[in-house]
Amino acid sequence: MREHLGELEHVVLLAVLRLSGRAYGVTMRDEIRERTGRSISPGTIYPTLDRLERKGYVRSLTGDPRPERGGRARRLYEIRPAGLAALRASHRMLHALRAGFESVLAGSEDS
């Protein structure tokens, strides 16, 4: 049985997918904040990435060191086929659940 994605896992996987080859902690946090308005701390994102890697949904790679003297290498993330399959399954499930509620969900937030 495939594990279901939690909301934060879903958001982080979408950020990794969107950043395609440029996904590391800071860029993912910035992408998530810019697109959702949600601020995620390093103490939240890195354990989530570790969990996704253990599940086989992402893979981490060591990038090139930063250009400044003594610059550390970044840990880059890329989505794996199992992660893409998990996102697809999650989107299908959410689509099935919201079917018939489009007009209610599209309404103004003041309602």
N, C-alpha and C. Protein backbone atom coordinates (compact mmCIF):
# COMPACT_ATOMS: atom_id res chain seq x y z
N MET A 1 0.84 -1.17 0.00
CA MET A 1 0.00 0.00 0.00
C MET A 1 0.89 1.25 0.00
N ARG A 2 0.60 2.18 -0.84
CA ARG A 2 1.36 3.41 -0.95
C ARG A 2 1.01 4.33 0.21
N GLU A 3 2.06 4.97 0.76
CA GLU A 3 1.83 5.93 1.84
C GLU A 3 1.21 7.20 1.27
N HIS A 4 0.32 7.80 2.04
CA HIS A 4 -0.29 9.06 1.62
C HIS A 4 0.61 10.21 2.03
N LEU A 5 0.56 11.27 1.25
CA LEU A 5 1.35 12.46 1.54
C LEU A 5 0.64 13.34 2.56
N GLY A 6 1.39 13.85 3.52
CA GLY A 6 0.88 14.88 4.40
C GLY A 6 0.91 16.20 3.64
N GLU A 7 0.23 17.21 4.17
CA GLU A 7 0.17 18.50 3.49
C GLU A 7 1.56 19.10 3.27
N LEU A 8 2.40 19.08 4.29
CA LEU A 8 3.74 19.66 4.17
C LEU A 8 4.58 18.86 3.18
N GLU A 9 4.48 17.54 3.21
CA GLU A 9 5.21 16.72 2.23
C GLU A 9 4.78 17.07 0.81
N HIS A 10 3.49 17.24 0.62
CA HIS A 10 2.93 17.60 -0.68
C HIS A 10 3.52 18.94 -1.15
N VAL A 11 3.51 19.93 -0.28
CA VAL A 11 4.02 21.26 -0.61
C VAL A 11 5.52 21.20 -0.94
N VAL A 12 6.28 20.49 -0.14
CA VAL A 12 7.73 20.39 -0.36
C VAL A 12 8.02 19.65 -1.67
N LEU A 13 7.31 18.57 -1.95
CA LEU A 13 7.52 17.85 -3.22
C LEU A 13 7.20 18.75 -4.41
N LEU A 14 6.15 19.54 -4.32
CA LEU A 14 5.82 20.46 -5.42
C LEU A 14 6.92 21.51 -5.59
N ALA A 15 7.51 21.97 -4.50
CA ALA A 15 8.61 22.94 -4.59
C ALA A 15 9.83 22.30 -5.25
N VAL A 16 10.14 21.07 -4.88
CA VAL A 16 11.27 20.36 -5.51
C VAL A 16 11.02 20.22 -7.00
N LEU A 17 9.82 19.82 -7.37
CA LEU A 17 9.46 19.66 -8.78
C LEU A 17 9.56 20.98 -9.52
N ARG A 18 9.02 22.04 -8.95
CA ARG A 18 9.03 23.36 -9.59
C ARG A 18 10.45 23.89 -9.78
N LEU A 19 11.33 23.65 -8.82
CA LEU A 19 12.69 24.19 -8.87
C LEU A 19 13.64 23.37 -9.73
N SER A 20 13.23 22.19 -10.13
CA SER A 20 13.93 21.36 -11.09
C SER A 20 15.43 21.60 -11.19
N GLY A 21 16.20 20.93 -10.34
CA GLY A 21 17.65 21.02 -10.39
C GLY A 21 18.24 22.15 -9.55
N ARG A 22 17.40 23.05 -9.05
CA ARG A 22 17.88 24.16 -8.21
C ARG A 22 17.28 24.08 -6.82
N ALA A 23 16.79 22.92 -6.44
CA ALA A 23 16.08 22.77 -5.16
C ALA A 23 17.05 22.46 -4.04
N TYR A 24 17.26 23.42 -3.17
CA TYR A 24 17.96 23.19 -1.92
C TYR A 24 17.17 23.94 -0.86
N GLY A 25 17.51 23.76 0.39
CA GLY A 25 16.70 24.27 1.48
C GLY A 25 16.21 25.70 1.32
N VAL A 26 17.13 26.64 1.06
CA VAL A 26 16.75 28.06 0.99
C VAL A 26 15.84 28.33 -0.21
N THR A 27 16.15 27.78 -1.38
CA THR A 27 15.31 28.05 -2.56
C THR A 27 13.92 27.46 -2.38
N MET A 28 13.83 26.29 -1.73
CA MET A 28 12.51 25.69 -1.49
C MET A 28 11.71 26.53 -0.51
N ARG A 29 12.35 26.99 0.56
CA ARG A 29 11.65 27.84 1.53
C ARG A 29 11.15 29.11 0.87
N ASP A 30 12.00 29.73 0.02
CA ASP A 30 11.60 30.94 -0.69
C ASP A 30 10.45 30.68 -1.65
N GLU A 31 10.52 29.58 -2.38
CA GLU A 31 9.47 29.23 -3.35
C GLU A 31 8.14 29.00 -2.64
N ILE A 32 8.18 28.28 -1.54
CA ILE A 32 6.95 27.99 -0.79
C ILE A 32 6.37 29.28 -0.23
N ARG A 33 7.21 30.13 0.34
CA ARG A 33 6.72 31.40 0.90
C ARG A 33 6.13 32.28 -0.19
N GLU A 34 6.81 32.36 -1.35
CA GLU A 34 6.33 33.21 -2.44
C GLU A 34 5.00 32.73 -3.01
N ARG A 35 4.84 31.43 -3.14
CA ARG A 35 3.64 30.89 -3.79
C ARG A 35 2.47 30.65 -2.84
N THR A 36 2.77 30.43 -1.55
CA THR A 36 1.68 30.10 -0.62
C THR A 36 1.51 31.11 0.50
N GLY A 37 2.50 31.95 0.72
CA GLY A 37 2.46 32.87 1.85
C GLY A 37 2.83 32.19 3.16
N ARG A 38 3.20 30.94 3.08
CA ARG A 38 3.52 30.16 4.27
C ARG A 38 5.04 30.17 4.48
N SER A 39 5.47 30.55 5.67
CA SER A 39 6.89 30.57 6.00
C SER A 39 7.25 29.28 6.72
N ILE A 40 8.25 28.58 6.20
CA ILE A 40 8.66 27.30 6.77
C ILE A 40 10.08 27.44 7.30
N SER A 41 10.30 27.05 8.52
CA SER A 41 11.62 27.17 9.13
C SER A 41 12.54 26.05 8.67
N PRO A 42 13.86 26.27 8.74
CA PRO A 42 14.80 25.19 8.42
C PRO A 42 14.56 23.96 9.28
N GLY A 43 14.15 24.18 10.54
CA GLY A 43 13.89 23.06 11.44
C GLY A 43 12.67 22.25 11.06
N THR A 44 11.89 22.75 10.11
CA THR A 44 10.73 22.03 9.61
C THR A 44 11.03 21.40 8.25
N ILE A 45 11.70 22.15 7.37
CA ILE A 45 11.88 21.66 6.01
C ILE A 45 12.88 20.50 5.92
N TYR A 46 13.99 20.59 6.68
CA TYR A 46 14.99 19.53 6.56
C TYR A 46 14.52 18.17 7.07
N PRO A 47 13.83 18.09 8.20
CA PRO A 47 13.27 16.78 8.59
C PRO A 47 12.26 16.25 7.57
N THR A 48 11.50 17.16 6.96
CA THR A 48 10.54 16.74 5.93
C THR A 48 11.28 16.17 4.73
N LEU A 49 12.34 16.84 4.29
CA LEU A 49 13.14 16.34 3.17
C LEU A 49 13.78 14.99 3.51
N ASP A 50 14.28 14.85 4.73
CA ASP A 50 14.86 13.57 5.15
C ASP A 50 13.81 12.47 5.10
N ARG A 51 12.60 12.75 5.57
CA ARG A 51 11.51 11.77 5.55
C ARG A 51 11.15 11.39 4.10
N LEU A 52 11.07 12.40 3.22
CA LEU A 52 10.76 12.13 1.81
C LEU A 52 11.87 11.31 1.15
N GLU A 53 13.10 11.55 1.56
CA GLU A 53 14.21 10.77 1.00
C GLU A 53 14.14 9.32 1.49
N ARG A 54 13.83 9.12 2.77
CA ARG A 54 13.70 7.75 3.29
C ARG A 54 12.58 6.99 2.58
N LYS A 55 11.51 7.70 2.21
CA LYS A 55 10.39 7.08 1.49
C LYS A 55 10.73 6.81 0.03
N GLY A 56 11.85 7.37 -0.45
CA GLY A 56 12.24 7.17 -1.85
C GLY A 56 11.59 8.18 -2.79
N TYR A 57 11.03 9.27 -2.25
CA TYR A 57 10.34 10.27 -3.08
C TYR A 57 11.27 11.35 -3.62
N VAL A 58 12.36 11.63 -2.93
CA VAL A 58 13.37 12.57 -3.41
C VAL A 58 14.74 11.94 -3.23
N ARG A 59 15.70 12.51 -3.93
CA ARG A 59 17.10 12.10 -3.79
C ARG A 59 17.90 13.37 -3.53
N SER A 60 18.86 13.28 -2.62
CA SER A 60 19.73 14.44 -2.39
C SER A 60 21.09 14.20 -3.02
N LEU A 61 21.65 15.28 -3.51
CA LEU A 61 22.97 15.25 -4.15
C LEU A 61 23.77 16.40 -3.56
N THR A 62 25.06 16.24 -3.54
CA THR A 62 25.91 17.33 -3.08
C THR A 62 26.28 18.19 -4.28
N GLY A 63 25.91 19.46 -4.22
CA GLY A 63 26.20 20.40 -5.29
C GLY A 63 27.61 20.95 -5.17
N ASP A 64 27.96 21.85 -6.06
CA ASP A 64 29.26 22.50 -6.03
C ASP A 64 29.33 23.44 -4.84
N PRO A 65 30.54 23.63 -4.30
CA PRO A 65 30.67 24.60 -3.21
C PRO A 65 30.33 26.01 -3.68
N ARG A 66 29.88 26.83 -2.76
CA ARG A 66 29.59 28.23 -3.08
C ARG A 66 30.89 28.91 -3.50
N PRO A 67 30.80 29.92 -4.36
CA PRO A 67 32.01 30.53 -4.90
C PRO A 67 32.87 31.29 -3.88
N GLU A 68 32.27 31.78 -2.78
CA GLU A 68 33.09 32.52 -1.83
C GLU A 68 34.08 31.59 -1.13
N ARG A 69 35.16 32.16 -0.65
CA ARG A 69 36.20 31.39 0.01
C ARG A 69 35.62 30.60 1.19
N GLY A 70 35.91 29.34 1.21
CA GLY A 70 35.41 28.48 2.27
C GLY A 70 33.94 28.13 2.12
N GLY A 71 33.37 28.44 0.93
CA GLY A 71 31.96 28.17 0.71
C GLY A 71 31.63 26.69 0.80
N ARG A 72 30.54 26.41 1.46
CA ARG A 72 30.12 25.02 1.62
C ARG A 72 29.29 24.56 0.42
N ALA A 73 29.33 23.28 0.18
CA ALA A 73 28.52 22.69 -0.88
C ALA A 73 27.06 22.64 -0.42
N ARG A 74 26.16 22.86 -1.34
CA ARG A 74 24.72 22.79 -1.03
C ARG A 74 24.24 21.37 -1.25
N ARG A 75 23.23 21.02 -0.49
CA ARG A 75 22.57 19.72 -0.67
C ARG A 75 21.36 19.97 -1.57
N LEU A 76 21.44 19.49 -2.78
CA LEU A 76 20.37 19.67 -3.76
C LEU A 76 19.43 18.47 -3.72
N TYR A 77 18.18 18.71 -4.08
CA TYR A 77 17.17 17.65 -4.08
C TYR A 77 16.52 17.56 -5.44
N GLU A 78 16.21 16.33 -5.82
CA GLU A 78 15.45 16.11 -7.05
C GLU A 78 14.38 15.07 -6.77
N ILE A 79 13.29 15.21 -7.50
CA ILE A 79 12.18 14.29 -7.30
C ILE A 79 12.49 12.98 -8.01
N ARG A 80 12.09 11.90 -7.40
CA ARG A 80 12.28 10.57 -7.98
C ARG A 80 10.93 10.09 -8.54
N PRO A 81 10.95 9.07 -9.37
CA PRO A 81 9.68 8.56 -9.93
C PRO A 81 8.63 8.24 -8.87
N ALA A 82 9.04 7.69 -7.75
CA ALA A 82 8.06 7.37 -6.69
C ALA A 82 7.45 8.64 -6.11
N GLY A 83 8.20 9.72 -6.04
CA GLY A 83 7.68 11.00 -5.56
C GLY A 83 6.67 11.58 -6.52
N LEU A 84 6.97 11.48 -7.80
CA LEU A 84 6.04 11.96 -8.82
C LEU A 84 4.75 11.13 -8.80
N ALA A 85 4.89 9.83 -8.62
CA ALA A 85 3.70 8.96 -8.52
C ALA A 85 2.87 9.32 -7.29
N ALA A 86 3.54 9.62 -6.17
CA ALA A 86 2.82 10.00 -4.95
C ALA A 86 2.07 11.31 -5.15
N LEU A 87 2.71 12.28 -5.83
CA LEU A 87 2.03 13.54 -6.12
C LEU A 87 0.82 13.32 -7.01
N ARG A 88 0.97 12.50 -8.03
CA ARG A 88 -0.16 12.22 -8.94
C ARG A 88 -1.31 11.58 -8.18
N ALA A 89 -1.00 10.61 -7.33
CA ALA A 89 -2.04 9.92 -6.56
C ALA A 89 -2.74 10.90 -5.61
N SER A 90 -1.97 11.77 -4.99
CA SER A 90 -2.54 12.75 -4.08
C SER A 90 -3.45 13.73 -4.83
N HIS A 91 -3.01 14.17 -6.00
CA HIS A 91 -3.84 15.09 -6.79
C HIS A 91 -5.13 14.42 -7.26
N ARG A 92 -5.05 13.16 -7.65
CA ARG A 92 -6.27 12.43 -8.06
C ARG A 92 -7.25 12.32 -6.89
N MET A 93 -6.72 12.01 -5.71
CA MET A 93 -7.57 11.87 -4.53
C MET A 93 -8.24 13.20 -4.19
N LEU A 94 -7.46 14.29 -4.19
CA LEU A 94 -8.03 15.60 -3.87
C LEU A 94 -9.06 16.03 -4.92
N HIS A 95 -8.78 15.73 -6.18
CA HIS A 95 -9.73 16.07 -7.24
C HIS A 95 -11.05 15.31 -7.04
N ALA A 96 -10.95 14.04 -6.70
CA ALA A 96 -12.15 13.24 -6.48
C ALA A 96 -12.96 13.77 -5.28
N LEU A 97 -12.26 14.19 -4.24
CA LEU A 97 -12.95 14.70 -3.06
C LEU A 97 -13.62 16.05 -3.30
N ARG A 98 -13.01 16.89 -4.12
CA ARG A 98 -13.60 18.23 -4.33
C ARG A 98 -14.62 18.26 -5.46
N ALA A 99 -14.75 17.17 -6.19
CA ALA A 99 -15.72 17.12 -7.28
C ALA A 99 -17.12 17.49 -6.77
N GLY A 100 -17.74 18.42 -7.45
CA GLY A 100 -19.07 18.87 -7.07
C GLY A 100 -19.06 20.09 -6.16
N PHE A 101 -17.89 20.46 -5.65
CA PHE A 101 -17.78 21.61 -4.76
C PHE A 101 -17.04 22.79 -5.39
N GLU A 102 -16.82 22.75 -6.70
CA GLU A 102 -16.04 23.78 -7.38
C GLU A 102 -16.59 25.17 -7.11
N SER A 103 -17.91 25.34 -7.23
CA SER A 103 -18.49 26.68 -7.04
C SER A 103 -18.36 27.15 -5.59
N VAL A 104 -18.51 26.26 -4.64
CA VAL A 104 -18.38 26.61 -3.24
C VAL A 104 -16.92 26.99 -2.94
N LEU A 105 -15.98 26.20 -3.44
CA LEU A 105 -14.57 26.42 -3.17
C LEU A 105 -14.01 27.62 -3.92
N ALA A 106 -14.64 27.99 -5.03
CA ALA A 106 -14.19 29.14 -5.83
C ALA A 106 -14.76 30.45 -5.29
N GLY A 107 -15.69 30.39 -4.35
CA GLY A 107 -16.31 31.60 -3.80
C GLY A 107 -15.31 32.49 -3.10
N SER A 108 -15.74 33.68 -2.78
CA SER A 108 -14.85 34.64 -2.13
C SER A 108 -14.56 34.18 -0.69
N GLU A 109 -13.43 34.64 -0.18
CA GLU A 109 -13.03 34.27 1.19
C GLU A 109 -13.87 35.00 2.22
N ASP A 110 -14.61 36.01 1.83
CA ASP A 110 -15.45 36.76 2.76
C ASP A 110 -16.75 36.03 3.09
N SER A 111 -17.07 35.00 2.30
CA SER A 111 -18.36 34.30 2.49
C SER A 111 -18.41 33.54 3.78
